[in-house]
C-alpha atoms as a PDB file:
ATOM      1  CA  MET A   1     337.918 -61.680  82.353  1.00  0.00           C
ATOM      2  CA  ILE A   2     336.824 -60.874  78.834  1.00  0.00           C
ATOM      3  CA  LYS A   3     339.126 -58.558  76.911  1.00  0.00           C
ATOM      4  CA  LYS A   4     337.329 -56.285  74.359  1.00  0.00           C
ATOM      5  CA  ILE A   5     339.536 -55.638  71.275  1.00  0.00           C
ATOM      6  CA  PHE A   6     338.578 -53.125  68.617  1.00  0.00           C
ATOM      7  CA  SER A   7     340.692 -52.447  65.598  1.00  0.00           C
ATOM      8  CA  GLY A   8     340.183 -51.242  62.123  1.00  0.00           C
ATOM      9  CA  VAL A   9     342.000 -50.833  58.768  1.00  0.00           C
ATOM     10  CA  GLN A  10     341.598 -47.924  56.468  1.00  0.00           C
ATOM     11  CA  PRO A  11     340.440 -48.898  53.061  1.00  0.00           C
ATOM     12  CA  THR A  12     343.316 -47.480  51.194  1.00  0.00           C
ATOM     13  CA  GLY A  13     343.458 -50.152  48.506  1.00  0.00           C
ATOM     14  CA  ASN A  14     347.033 -50.736  49.348  1.00  0.00           C
ATOM     15  CA  LEU A  15     347.000 -53.742  51.698  1.00  0.00           C
ATOM     16  CA  HIS A  16     350.372 -55.329  51.772  1.00  0.00           C
ATOM     17  CA  LEU A  17     352.383 -58.049  53.531  1.00  0.00           C
ATOM     18  CA  GLY A  18     352.970 -55.673  56.580  1.00  0.00           C
ATOM     19  CA  ASN A  19     349.159 -55.305  57.120  1.00  0.00           C
ATOM     20  CA  TYR A  20     348.848 -59.106  56.886  1.00  0.00           C
ATOM     21  CA  LEU A  21     351.806 -59.775  59.282  1.00  0.00           C
ATOM     22  CA  GLY A  22     351.325 -56.908  61.582  1.00  0.00           C
ATOM     23  CA  ALA A  23     347.547 -56.830  62.007  1.00  0.00           C
ATOM     24  CA  ILE A  24     345.268 -59.267  60.058  1.00  0.00           C
ATOM     25  CA  LYS A  25     347.131 -62.443  61.023  1.00  0.00           C
ATOM     26  CA  ASN A  26     346.907 -61.346  64.701  1.00  0.00           C
ATOM     27  CA  PHE A  27     343.150 -60.561  64.363  1.00  0.00           C
ATOM     28  CA  VAL A  28     342.482 -64.128  63.243  1.00  0.00           C
ATOM     29  CA  LYS A  29     344.413 -65.491  66.290  1.00  0.00           C
ATOM     30  CA  LEU A  30     342.782 -63.068  68.735  1.00  0.00           C
ATOM     31  CA  GLN A  31     339.091 -63.886  67.501  1.00  0.00           C
ATOM     32  CA  ASN A  32     339.715 -67.546  68.321  1.00  0.00           C
ATOM     33  CA  GLU A  33     340.733 -67.027  71.905  1.00  0.00           C
ATOM     34  CA  LYS A  34     337.844 -67.460  74.311  1.00  0.00           C
ATOM     35  CA  GLU A  35     338.779 -64.562  76.614  1.00  0.00           C
ATOM     36  CA  ASN A  36     338.570 -61.977  73.668  1.00  0.00           C
ATOM     37  CA  GLU A  37     335.536 -60.170  72.320  1.00  0.00           C
ATOM     38  CA  CYS A  38     336.844 -58.797  69.065  1.00  0.00           C
ATOM     39  CA  ILE A  39     335.427 -56.176  66.718  1.00  0.00           C
ATOM     40  CA  PHE A  40     337.434 -55.828  63.548  1.00  0.00           C
ATOM     41  CA  CYS A  41     336.241 -53.375  60.874  1.00  0.00           C
ATOM     42  CA  VAL A  42     336.974 -51.306  57.792  1.00  0.00           C
ATOM     43  CA  VAL A  43     337.186 -47.763  59.046  1.00  0.00           C
ATOM     44  CA  ASP A  44     335.643 -46.229  55.897  1.00  0.00           C
ATOM     45  CA  LEU A  45     334.367 -43.011  57.618  1.00  0.00           C
ATOM     46  CA  HIS A  46     337.899 -42.372  58.798  1.00  0.00           C
ATOM     47  CA  ALA A  47     339.042 -42.628  55.104  1.00  0.00           C
ATOM     48  CA  ILE A  48     336.895 -39.576  54.125  1.00  0.00           C
ATOM     49  CA  THR A  49     338.959 -37.212  56.074  1.00  0.00           C
ATOM     50  CA  VAL A  50     340.923 -36.803  52.864  1.00  0.00           C
ATOM     51  CA  LYS A  51     339.589 -36.337  49.322  1.00  0.00           C
ATOM     52  CA  GLN A  52     338.486 -39.617  47.899  1.00  0.00           C
ATOM     53  CA  ASP A  53     336.918 -40.730  44.592  1.00  0.00           C
ATOM     54  CA  PRO A  54     333.608 -42.384  45.811  1.00  0.00           C
ATOM     55  CA  LYS A  55     333.803 -45.194  43.345  1.00  0.00           C
ATOM     56  CA  GLU A  56     337.319 -45.937  44.283  1.00  0.00           C
ATOM     57  CA  LEU A  57     336.589 -45.773  47.993  1.00  0.00           C
ATOM     58  CA  LYS A  58     333.640 -48.224  47.608  1.00  0.00           C
ATOM     59  CA  LYS A  59     335.889 -50.665  45.686  1.00  0.00           C
ATOM     60  CA  ASN A  60     338.616 -50.448  48.347  1.00  0.00           C
ATOM     61  CA  ILE A  61     336.237 -50.957  51.119  1.00  0.00           C
ATOM     62  CA  ARG A  62     334.921 -54.187  49.509  1.00  0.00           C
ATOM     63  CA  GLU A  63     338.474 -55.374  48.712  1.00  0.00           C
ATOM     64  CA  THR A  64     339.578 -54.748  52.338  1.00  0.00           C
ATOM     65  CA  ALA A  65     336.557 -56.630  53.721  1.00  0.00           C
ATOM     66  CA  ALA A  66     337.269 -59.470  51.277  1.00  0.00           C
ATOM     67  CA  THR A  67     340.711 -59.617  52.497  1.00  0.00           C
ATOM     68  CA  PHE A  68     339.672 -59.909  56.070  1.00  0.00           C
ATOM     69  CA  ILE A  69     337.498 -62.884  55.310  1.00  0.00           C
ATOM     70  CA  ALA A  70     340.047 -64.545  53.030  1.00  0.00           C
ATOM     71  CA  SER A  71     342.601 -64.235  55.752  1.00  0.00           C
ATOM     72  CA  GLY A  72     340.387 -66.103  58.191  1.00  0.00           C
ATOM     73  CA  ILE A  73     338.447 -63.298  60.063  1.00  0.00           C
ATOM     74  CA  ASP A  74     335.055 -64.867  60.792  1.00  0.00           C
ATOM     75  CA  PRO A  75     332.147 -62.458  60.065  1.00  0.00           C
ATOM     76  CA  ASN A  76     329.895 -64.955  61.789  1.00  0.00           C
ATOM     77  CA  LYS A  77     331.362 -64.256  65.255  1.00  0.00           C
ATOM     78  CA  SER A  78     328.734 -62.766  67.586  1.00  0.00           C
ATOM     79  CA  ILE A  79     328.917 -60.183  70.355  1.00  0.00           C
ATOM     80  CA  SER A  80     328.670 -61.558  73.884  1.00  0.00           C
ATOM     81  CA  LEU A  81     325.312 -61.761  75.601  1.00  0.00           C
ATOM     82  CA  GLN A  82     325.041 -58.637  77.696  1.00  0.00           C
ATOM     83  CA  LYS A  83     322.858 -56.030  79.384  1.00  0.00           C
ATOM     84  CA  HIS A  84     323.307 -52.538  80.791  1.00  0.00           C
ATOM     85  CA  LYS A  85     322.116 -51.119  84.120  1.00  0.00           C
ATOM     86  CA  CYS A  86     322.547 -47.486  83.259  1.00  0.00           C
ATOM     87  CA  ARG A  87     321.911 -47.082  79.569  1.00  0.00           C
ATOM     88  CA  HIS A  88     319.595 -47.706  76.748  1.00  0.00           C
ATOM     89  CA  GLU A  89     320.672 -48.342  73.112  1.00  0.00           C
ATOM     90  CA  LEU A  90     319.100 -47.637  69.795  1.00  0.00           C
ATOM     91  CA  TRP A  91     320.261 -49.719  66.896  1.00  0.00           C
ATOM     92  CA  PHE A  92     319.816 -49.234  63.080  1.00  0.00           C
ATOM     93  CA  ILE A  93     321.447 -51.510  60.471  1.00  0.00           C
ATOM     94  CA  SER A  94     322.652 -49.401  57.594  1.00  0.00           C
ATOM     95  CA  GLU A  95     324.245 -52.186  55.593  1.00  0.00           C
ATOM     96  CA  GLY A  96     323.738 -55.963  55.551  1.00  0.00           C
ATOM     97  CA  THR A  97     321.563 -58.162  57.748  1.00  0.00           C
ATOM     98  CA  ALA A  98     322.099 -58.985  61.520  1.00  0.00           C
ATOM     99  CA  THR A  99     320.359 -61.143  63.823  1.00  0.00           C
ATOM    100  CA  VAL A 100     319.483 -59.418  67.094  1.00  0.00           C
ATOM    101  CA  GLU A 101     318.563 -61.495  70.230  1.00  0.00           C
ATOM    102  CA  GLN A 102     316.731 -59.495  72.869  1.00  0.00           C
ATOM    103  CA  GLY A 103     315.395 -61.439  75.870  1.00  0.00           C
ATOM    104  CA  THR A 104     313.929 -64.507  74.506  1.00  0.00           C
ATOM    105  CA  ASP A 105     313.001 -63.053  71.071  1.00  0.00           C
ATOM    106  CA  ALA A 106     315.216 -62.980  67.959  1.00  0.00           C
ATOM    107  CA  LYS A 107     314.771 -60.435  65.106  1.00  0.00           C
ATOM    108  CA  MET A 108     316.345 -59.781  61.823  1.00  0.00           C
ATOM    109  CA  LEU A 109     317.417 -56.238  61.152  1.00  0.00           C
ATOM    110  CA  SER A 110     318.654 -55.085  57.755  1.00  0.00           C
ATOM    111  CA  LYS A 111     319.305 -52.101  55.591  1.00  0.00           C
ATOM    112  CA  ARG A 112     315.587 -52.451  54.379  1.00  0.00           C
ATOM    113  CA  THR A 113     314.375 -51.904  58.025  1.00  0.00           C
ATOM    114  CA  TYR A 114     316.683 -48.848  58.201  1.00  0.00           C
ATOM    115  CA  GLU A 115     314.985 -47.427  55.133  1.00  0.00           C
ATOM    116  CA  LEU A 116     311.637 -48.046  56.552  1.00  0.00           C
ATOM    117  CA  HIS A 117     312.931 -46.122  59.745  1.00  0.00           C
ATOM    118  CA  GLU A 118     312.594 -49.174  61.876  1.00  0.00           C
ATOM    119  CA  GLN A 119     315.056 -49.654  64.679  1.00  0.00           C
ATOM    120  CA  LEU A 120     315.610 -51.710  67.726  1.00  0.00           C
ATOM    121  CA  ILE A 121     315.386 -50.145  71.195  1.00  0.00           C
ATOM    122  CA  VAL A 122     317.431 -52.021  73.826  1.00  0.00           C
ATOM    123  CA  PRO A 123     316.031 -50.911  77.252  1.00  0.00           C
ATOM    124  CA  LEU A 124     317.790 -50.966  80.611  1.00  0.00           C
ATOM    125  CA  GLU A 125     318.470 -54.442  81.949  1.00  0.00           C
ATOM    126  CA  SER A 126     317.512 -56.148  78.560  1.00  0.00           C
ATOM    127  CA  TRP A 127     319.704 -59.158  77.644  1.00  0.00           C
ATOM    128  CA  HIS A 128     320.831 -58.682  74.053  1.00  0.00           C
ATOM    129  CA  ARG A 129     323.323 -59.912  71.394  1.00  0.00           C
ATOM    130  CA  LEU A 130     323.947 -59.099  67.855  1.00  0.00           C
ATOM    131  CA  SER A 131     325.335 -61.565  65.269  1.00  0.00           C
ATOM    132  CA  ASN A 132     326.144 -61.698  61.677  1.00  0.00           C
ATOM    133  CA  GLU A 133     324.981 -65.047  60.106  1.00  0.00           C
ATOM    134  CA  THR A 134     326.003 -64.116  56.516  1.00  0.00           C
ATOM    135  CA  GLU A 135     329.365 -63.566  54.845  1.00  0.00           C
ATOM    136  CA  LEU A 136     328.614 -60.010  54.038  1.00  0.00           C
ATOM    137  CA  PRO A 137     329.688 -57.096  56.300  1.00  0.00           C
ATOM    138  CA  VAL A 138     327.094 -55.551  58.614  1.00  0.00           C
ATOM    139  CA  LYS A 139     327.293 -51.904  59.413  1.00  0.00           C
ATOM    140  CA  ILE A 140     325.356 -50.727  62.514  1.00  0.00           C
ATOM    141  CA  ILE A 141     324.555 -47.357  63.848  1.00  0.00           C
ATOM    142  CA  GLU A 142     324.325 -47.521  67.601  1.00  0.00           C
ATOM    143  CA  ILE A 143     323.203 -44.626  69.742  1.00  0.00           C
ATOM    144  CA  GLN A 144     323.680 -44.953  73.582  1.00  0.00           C
ATOM    145  CA  TYR A 145     321.721 -42.831  75.999  1.00  0.00           C
ATOM    146  CA  GLY A 146     321.327 -42.915  79.754  1.00  0.00           C
ATOM    147  CA  ASP A 147     323.151 -41.997  82.975  1.00  0.00           C
ATOM    148  CA  LYS A 148     326.413 -43.899  82.255  1.00  0.00           C
ATOM    149  CA  CYS A 149     327.605 -44.728  78.760  1.00  0.00           C
ATOM    150  CA  ILE A 150     330.870 -46.354  80.013  1.00  0.00           C
ATOM    151  CA  GLU A 151     332.371 -49.824  79.545  1.00  0.00           C
ATOM    152  CA  GLU A 152     331.758 -50.656  83.252  1.00  0.00           C
ATOM    153  CA  ASP A 153     327.979 -50.521  82.637  1.00  0.00           C
ATOM    154  CA  ILE A 154     328.198 -53.687  80.493  1.00  0.00           C
ATOM    155  CA  LYS A 155     327.437 -56.955  82.173  1.00  0.00           C
ATOM    156  CA  ARG A 156     328.461 -59.854  79.961  1.00  0.00           C
ATOM    157  CA  TYR A 157     327.104 -63.306  80.576  1.00  0.00           C
ATOM    158  CA  TYR A 158     328.797 -65.624  78.013  1.00  0.00           C
ATOM    159  CA  LYS A 159     330.346 -65.630  74.728  1.00  0.00           C
ATOM    160  CA  ILE A 160     329.501 -68.077  71.790  1.00  0.00           C
END
């Protein structure tokens, strides 16, 4: 059984030994275990719940992402091949570039496609996977709609 793990770090600009030993070191270990599907992120929108200097926040986001990569978190890991019986998804890439596999087709989505108002619709029962083949972070906006938008609707086939 695949375990889905989601965790994020606020971009405070104050990463310290406790962050490394308590979280980031474990993120690296977890991403390399086959039974885990991991999503690790910089929770930058959570950071705007308090007053922030936009330039400082942008710098802190980049530094936190760089620390993830320097610590061994692999931005090239991909999400498992999956499909849904009860929901559709709509994807936009707001930052970076991602490869999207859907059925037998592969397509690159990027911030440029977002600016052109292009998106990817993932219909019911469509096999799909998202991967990042660059060293830069990818930000995705995913909208789920349908009868059931719950974890049990996801049918995973394999993980690479």
